[in-house]
Amino acid sequence: MPDLIMLVPTRGRPENLWQLWLAFRETCTADTLLVAITDDDDPHLPGYEQRYDWAAGDPRLRHITGPRLRLGGTLNAAAPVYAHQCPRIGFLGDDHRPRTVGWDSRYIEALDALGTGLVYGDDLIQHQALPTQVAMTSDIVLATDHMVPPGIVHLYADNAWLTLGQALGSITYLPDVVVEHCHPIAGRAAWDEGYAEANTDERSDADREVFERWRANDLDLWVQQIREYLR
C-alpha cells in the first residue's frame, strides 16, 4: 500500500504529463503513487501510452483510461476506488510541478498531524488563497463518496476543498512547499484547447452555481458524514 496516491486527470497533453512525471520522480521521498487518468476518446491517447512505456514500469506511475467525465467527474469516479487502497489521496493537475524535494513527505506529515483533514502547498499563483493542488485523508472521500461536490465540471473544486477544510477546522497550508501551477494566467503556459474549454464565462458561472448550492445545502451534511464515519 502506498503512503499517498495523487490522481491526475489529463486530456490532450501527454507532454505535460511527462514533465509532471519527471518533476514528481525527482522530488518524492515517500512511497507516493501518481495515477494518470486519460479519456478513452482522447486523440492524444497514443502519446500517453508511449510515454507510459518510457517510464519502464516504474511502480510509482500508473496509467488508467476510462470514459470522459471531465475533471470533477473523473475525480469522483476514481477517488472512492483509490481511497480504499491508501490512507491519503490527492489531486495534481497535469500543469502542476512539484519543486520542493520531499513535498509528499511533508503532506503526509501534515495529514498525520491533523488526523483527518486536507493539506496544500504554494502553487506560486494563488498561494494560501486556494488549494489548486491538494491532498486529504481518505476518510473524507470514504465518508462522502466524493472528492469534489457532484456537478462541478472543472472550476471551483479548489474553493470547495478550502471551504470543507475550514468547516472541519482541519486544513493546513505549507508555504515553504512549492507545487508550481504552470498556468497561462501566470504566463507559464500557452493557452490550448483544454484551457479554453475549461475557462469560459459560461463554465465559470455554472461551476460557481454548483459550488454555492453545495456550500448552502450540502456542506454541513458532508461534515456530519465525515464525523460520523470517524466515530
Protein backbone atom coordinates (compact mmCIF):
# COMPACT_ATOMS: atom_id res chain seq x y z
CA MET A 1 0.00 0.00 0.00
CA PRO A 2 1.45 3.41 -0.94
CA ASP A 3 1.66 6.21 1.58
CA LEU A 4 -0.07 8.68 -0.73
CA ILE A 5 -1.90 8.47 -4.07
CA MET A 6 -2.12 11.54 -6.31
CA LEU A 7 -4.75 11.50 -9.07
CA VAL A 8 -4.05 13.39 -12.31
CA PRO A 9 -6.94 13.64 -14.80
CA THR A 10 -5.39 14.70 -18.11
CA ARG A 11 -6.50 15.17 -21.70
CA GLY A 12 -4.68 16.28 -24.84
CA ARG A 13 -1.39 16.91 -23.02
CA PRO A 14 0.90 13.87 -22.98
CA GLU A 15 3.96 16.13 -22.85
CA ASN A 16 2.52 17.97 -19.84
CA LEU A 17 2.03 14.70 -18.03
CA TRP A 18 5.57 13.65 -18.89
CA GLN A 19 7.00 16.86 -17.47
CA LEU A 20 4.91 16.39 -14.32
CA TRP A 21 6.21 12.84 -14.00
CA LEU A 22 9.83 13.97 -14.33
CA ALA A 23 9.32 16.56 -11.56
CA PHE A 24 7.37 14.05 -9.47
CA ARG A 25 10.00 11.32 -9.54
CA GLU A 26 12.79 13.77 -8.69
CA THR A 27 11.03 15.29 -5.68
CA CYS A 28 9.13 12.45 -3.99
CA THR A 29 10.72 10.96 -0.88
CA ALA A 30 7.79 8.85 0.34
CA ASP A 31 6.08 5.86 -1.27
CA THR A 32 3.80 8.00 -3.44
CA LEU A 33 1.87 6.79 -6.46
CA LEU A 34 0.89 9.04 -9.36
CA VAL A 35 -2.22 7.81 -11.18
CA ALA A 36 -2.66 9.42 -14.61
CA ILE A 37 -6.26 9.18 -15.80
CA THR A 38 -6.89 9.64 -19.52
CA ASP A 39 -10.05 9.63 -21.63
CA ASP A 40 -10.66 6.70 -23.94
CA ASP A 41 -11.69 9.11 -26.73
CA ASP A 42 -8.62 11.35 -26.43
CA PRO A 43 -6.93 11.67 -29.86
CA HIS A 44 -3.62 12.00 -28.00
CA LEU A 45 -4.01 8.69 -26.16
CA PRO A 46 -1.16 7.01 -28.14
CA GLY A 47 1.17 9.75 -26.91
CA TYR A 48 0.26 8.99 -23.30
CA GLU A 49 0.76 5.27 -23.85
CA GLN A 50 4.17 5.87 -25.42
CA ARG A 51 5.34 7.99 -22.51
CA TYR A 52 4.00 5.48 -20.03
CA ASP A 53 6.12 2.86 -21.77
CA TRP A 54 9.11 5.20 -21.40
CA ALA A 55 8.62 5.09 -17.64
CA ALA A 56 9.72 1.45 -17.94
CA GLY A 57 7.28 0.05 -15.47
CA ASP A 58 8.21 2.37 -12.61
CA PRO A 59 5.83 1.34 -9.79
CA ARG A 60 5.31 4.99 -8.81
CA LEU A 61 3.37 5.68 -12.05
CA ARG A 62 0.09 4.12 -13.11
CA HIS A 63 -1.93 4.94 -16.23
CA ILE A 64 -5.65 4.17 -16.44
CA THR A 65 -8.17 5.06 -19.14
CA GLY A 66 -11.92 5.49 -18.97
CA PRO A 67 -14.86 7.42 -20.38
CA ARG A 68 -14.60 11.18 -20.49
CA LEU A 69 -16.15 12.60 -17.31
CA ARG A 70 -14.28 15.92 -17.16
CA LEU A 71 -12.14 16.81 -14.16
CA GLY A 72 -14.75 16.75 -11.40
CA GLY A 73 -16.46 13.62 -12.64
CA THR A 74 -13.17 11.81 -13.11
CA LEU A 75 -12.03 12.58 -9.57
CA ASN A 76 -15.38 11.48 -8.14
CA ALA A 77 -15.22 8.21 -10.08
CA ALA A 78 -11.61 7.38 -9.22
CA ALA A 79 -11.15 8.73 -5.70
CA PRO A 80 -13.51 6.32 -3.87
CA VAL A 81 -11.75 3.38 -5.53
CA TYR A 82 -8.26 4.50 -4.59
CA ALA A 83 -9.31 5.73 -1.15
CA HIS A 84 -9.81 2.09 -0.21
CA GLN A 85 -6.21 1.39 -1.22
CA CYS A 86 -4.42 4.18 0.64
CA PRO A 87 -5.00 6.31 3.76
CA ARG A 88 -4.25 9.55 1.87
CA ILE A 89 -5.33 10.73 -1.56
CA GLY A 90 -4.82 13.90 -3.53
CA PHE A 91 -5.06 15.81 -6.78
CA LEU A 92 -2.50 17.31 -9.14
CA GLY A 93 -3.26 18.95 -12.45
CA ASP A 94 -1.11 17.95 -15.39
CA ASP A 95 0.18 21.53 -15.25
CA HIS A 96 1.43 21.29 -11.65
CA ARG A 97 5.12 20.78 -11.00
CA PRO A 98 6.38 19.74 -7.55
CA ARG A 99 9.53 21.79 -6.86
CA THR A 100 10.26 21.07 -3.19
CA VAL A 101 12.10 17.83 -2.58
CA GLY A 102 10.09 15.83 -0.08
CA TRP A 103 6.84 17.68 -0.73
CA ASP A 104 4.94 14.40 -0.48
CA SER A 105 6.51 13.52 2.86
CA ARG A 106 5.55 16.96 4.16
CA TYR A 107 1.96 16.42 3.01
CA ILE A 108 1.87 13.06 4.77
CA GLU A 109 3.28 14.52 7.98
CA ALA A 110 0.72 17.34 7.92
CA LEU A 111 -2.18 14.94 7.36
CA ASP A 112 -0.98 12.64 10.12
CA ALA A 113 -0.83 15.62 12.46
CA LEU A 114 -4.41 16.57 11.55
CA GLY A 115 -5.74 13.03 11.83
CA THR A 116 -8.48 13.92 9.36
CA GLY A 117 -8.16 16.86 7.03
CA LEU A 118 -6.57 18.46 3.99
CA VAL A 119 -3.20 19.95 3.11
CA TYR A 120 -1.81 22.03 0.26
CA GLY A 121 1.32 23.92 -0.70
CA ASP A 122 2.23 27.11 -2.51
CA ASP A 123 1.34 26.97 -6.22
CA LEU A 124 3.08 30.35 -6.80
CA ILE A 125 -0.20 31.85 -8.10
CA GLN A 126 -2.95 31.51 -5.50
CA HIS A 127 -0.60 30.84 -2.59
CA GLN A 128 -2.71 30.36 0.58
CA ALA A 129 -5.90 31.65 -1.06
CA LEU A 130 -6.78 28.40 -2.85
CA PRO A 131 -5.58 24.77 -2.88
CA THR A 132 -5.21 24.32 -6.63
CA GLN A 133 -3.44 21.07 -5.68
CA VAL A 134 -4.40 19.16 -2.56
CA ALA A 135 -4.06 16.01 -0.51
CA MET A 136 -6.56 14.74 2.03
CA THR A 137 -7.11 11.83 4.34
CA SER A 138 -9.04 9.10 2.56
CA ASP A 139 -11.73 9.01 5.24
CA ILE A 140 -13.10 12.25 3.75
CA VAL A 141 -13.70 10.51 0.43
CA LEU A 142 -14.95 7.30 2.01
CA ALA A 143 -17.44 9.16 4.21
CA THR A 144 -18.91 11.33 1.44
CA ASP A 145 -18.25 9.05 -1.56
CA HIS A 146 -16.92 12.12 -3.38
CA MET A 147 -13.74 14.13 -3.78
CA VAL A 148 -15.48 17.23 -5.15
CA PRO A 149 -19.10 18.35 -5.00
CA PRO A 150 -21.05 16.41 -7.65
CA GLY A 151 -21.84 18.53 -10.67
CA ILE A 152 -18.63 20.55 -10.65
CA VAL A 153 -17.08 20.10 -14.08
CA HIS A 154 -13.74 21.87 -13.77
CA LEU A 155 -13.70 25.09 -11.75
CA TYR A 156 -14.40 25.74 -8.05
CA ALA A 157 -13.14 22.35 -6.87
CA ASP A 158 -10.36 24.20 -5.05
CA ASN A 159 -12.91 26.54 -3.46
CA ALA A 160 -14.80 23.50 -2.23
CA TRP A 161 -11.68 21.90 -0.73
CA LEU A 162 -10.82 25.10 1.11
CA THR A 163 -14.39 25.52 2.35
CA LEU A 164 -14.61 21.92 3.52
CA GLY A 165 -11.28 22.12 5.32
CA GLN A 166 -12.35 25.30 7.08
CA ALA A 167 -15.72 23.79 8.05
CA LEU A 168 -13.91 20.79 9.53
CA GLY A 169 -11.40 23.09 11.23
CA SER A 170 -8.75 20.84 9.72
CA ILE A 171 -6.75 22.22 6.80
CA THR A 172 -3.05 23.04 6.63
CA TYR A 173 -1.21 25.33 4.22
CA LEU A 174 2.53 24.76 3.82
CA PRO A 175 4.02 28.00 2.45
CA ASP A 176 7.50 26.52 2.10
CA VAL A 177 6.33 23.56 -0.01
CA VAL A 178 6.18 24.62 -3.65
CA VAL A 179 4.00 22.78 -6.15
CA GLU A 180 4.07 25.23 -9.04
CA HIS A 181 0.97 25.75 -11.14
CA CYS A 182 2.21 26.31 -14.70
CA HIS A 183 -0.96 28.02 -15.89
CA PRO A 184 -1.49 30.54 -18.70
CA ILE A 185 -2.89 33.14 -16.29
CA ALA A 186 0.61 33.43 -14.86
CA GLY A 187 2.29 33.31 -18.27
CA ARG A 188 3.73 29.86 -17.52
CA ALA A 189 1.95 28.00 -20.31
CA ALA A 190 0.28 28.67 -23.64
CA TRP A 191 -3.50 28.66 -23.95
CA ASP A 192 -4.66 25.45 -25.58
CA GLU A 193 -7.97 23.77 -26.33
CA GLY A 194 -8.23 22.36 -22.81
CA TYR A 195 -7.71 25.69 -21.09
CA ALA A 196 -10.08 27.40 -23.49
CA GLU A 197 -12.82 24.86 -22.84
CA ALA A 198 -12.46 24.98 -19.08
CA ASN A 199 -12.19 28.73 -18.59
CA THR A 200 -15.19 30.22 -20.36
CA ASP A 201 -17.54 32.59 -18.57
CA GLU A 202 -20.31 30.02 -19.01
CA ARG A 203 -18.25 27.26 -17.38
CA SER A 204 -17.25 29.56 -14.52
CA ASP A 205 -20.84 30.62 -13.89
CA ALA A 206 -22.14 27.05 -13.98
CA ASP A 207 -19.46 25.64 -11.67
CA ARG A 208 -19.80 28.57 -9.27
CA GLU A 209 -23.54 27.91 -9.06
CA VAL A 210 -22.91 24.24 -8.21
CA PHE A 211 -20.32 25.22 -5.60
CA GLU A 212 -22.55 27.80 -3.95
CA ARG A 213 -25.51 25.41 -3.90
CA TRP A 214 -23.32 22.71 -2.33
CA ARG A 215 -22.00 25.17 0.26
CA ALA A 216 -25.51 26.28 1.19
CA ASN A 217 -27.23 22.88 1.16
CA ASP A 218 -24.69 20.04 1.45
CA LEU A 219 -21.56 21.26 3.22
CA ASP A 220 -22.97 20.66 6.69
CA LEU A 221 -24.09 17.19 5.60
CA TRP A 222 -20.57 16.37 4.38
CA VAL A 223 -19.11 17.50 7.70
CA GLN A 224 -21.66 15.37 9.56
CA GLN A 225 -20.95 12.33 7.36
CA ILE A 226 -17.21 12.67 7.94
CA ARG A 227 -17.58 12.98 11.71
CA GLU A 228 -19.99 10.06 11.86
CA TYR A 229 -17.61 7.97 9.76
CA LEU A 230 -14.81 8.71 12.22
CA ARG A 231 -16.99 7.54 15.12
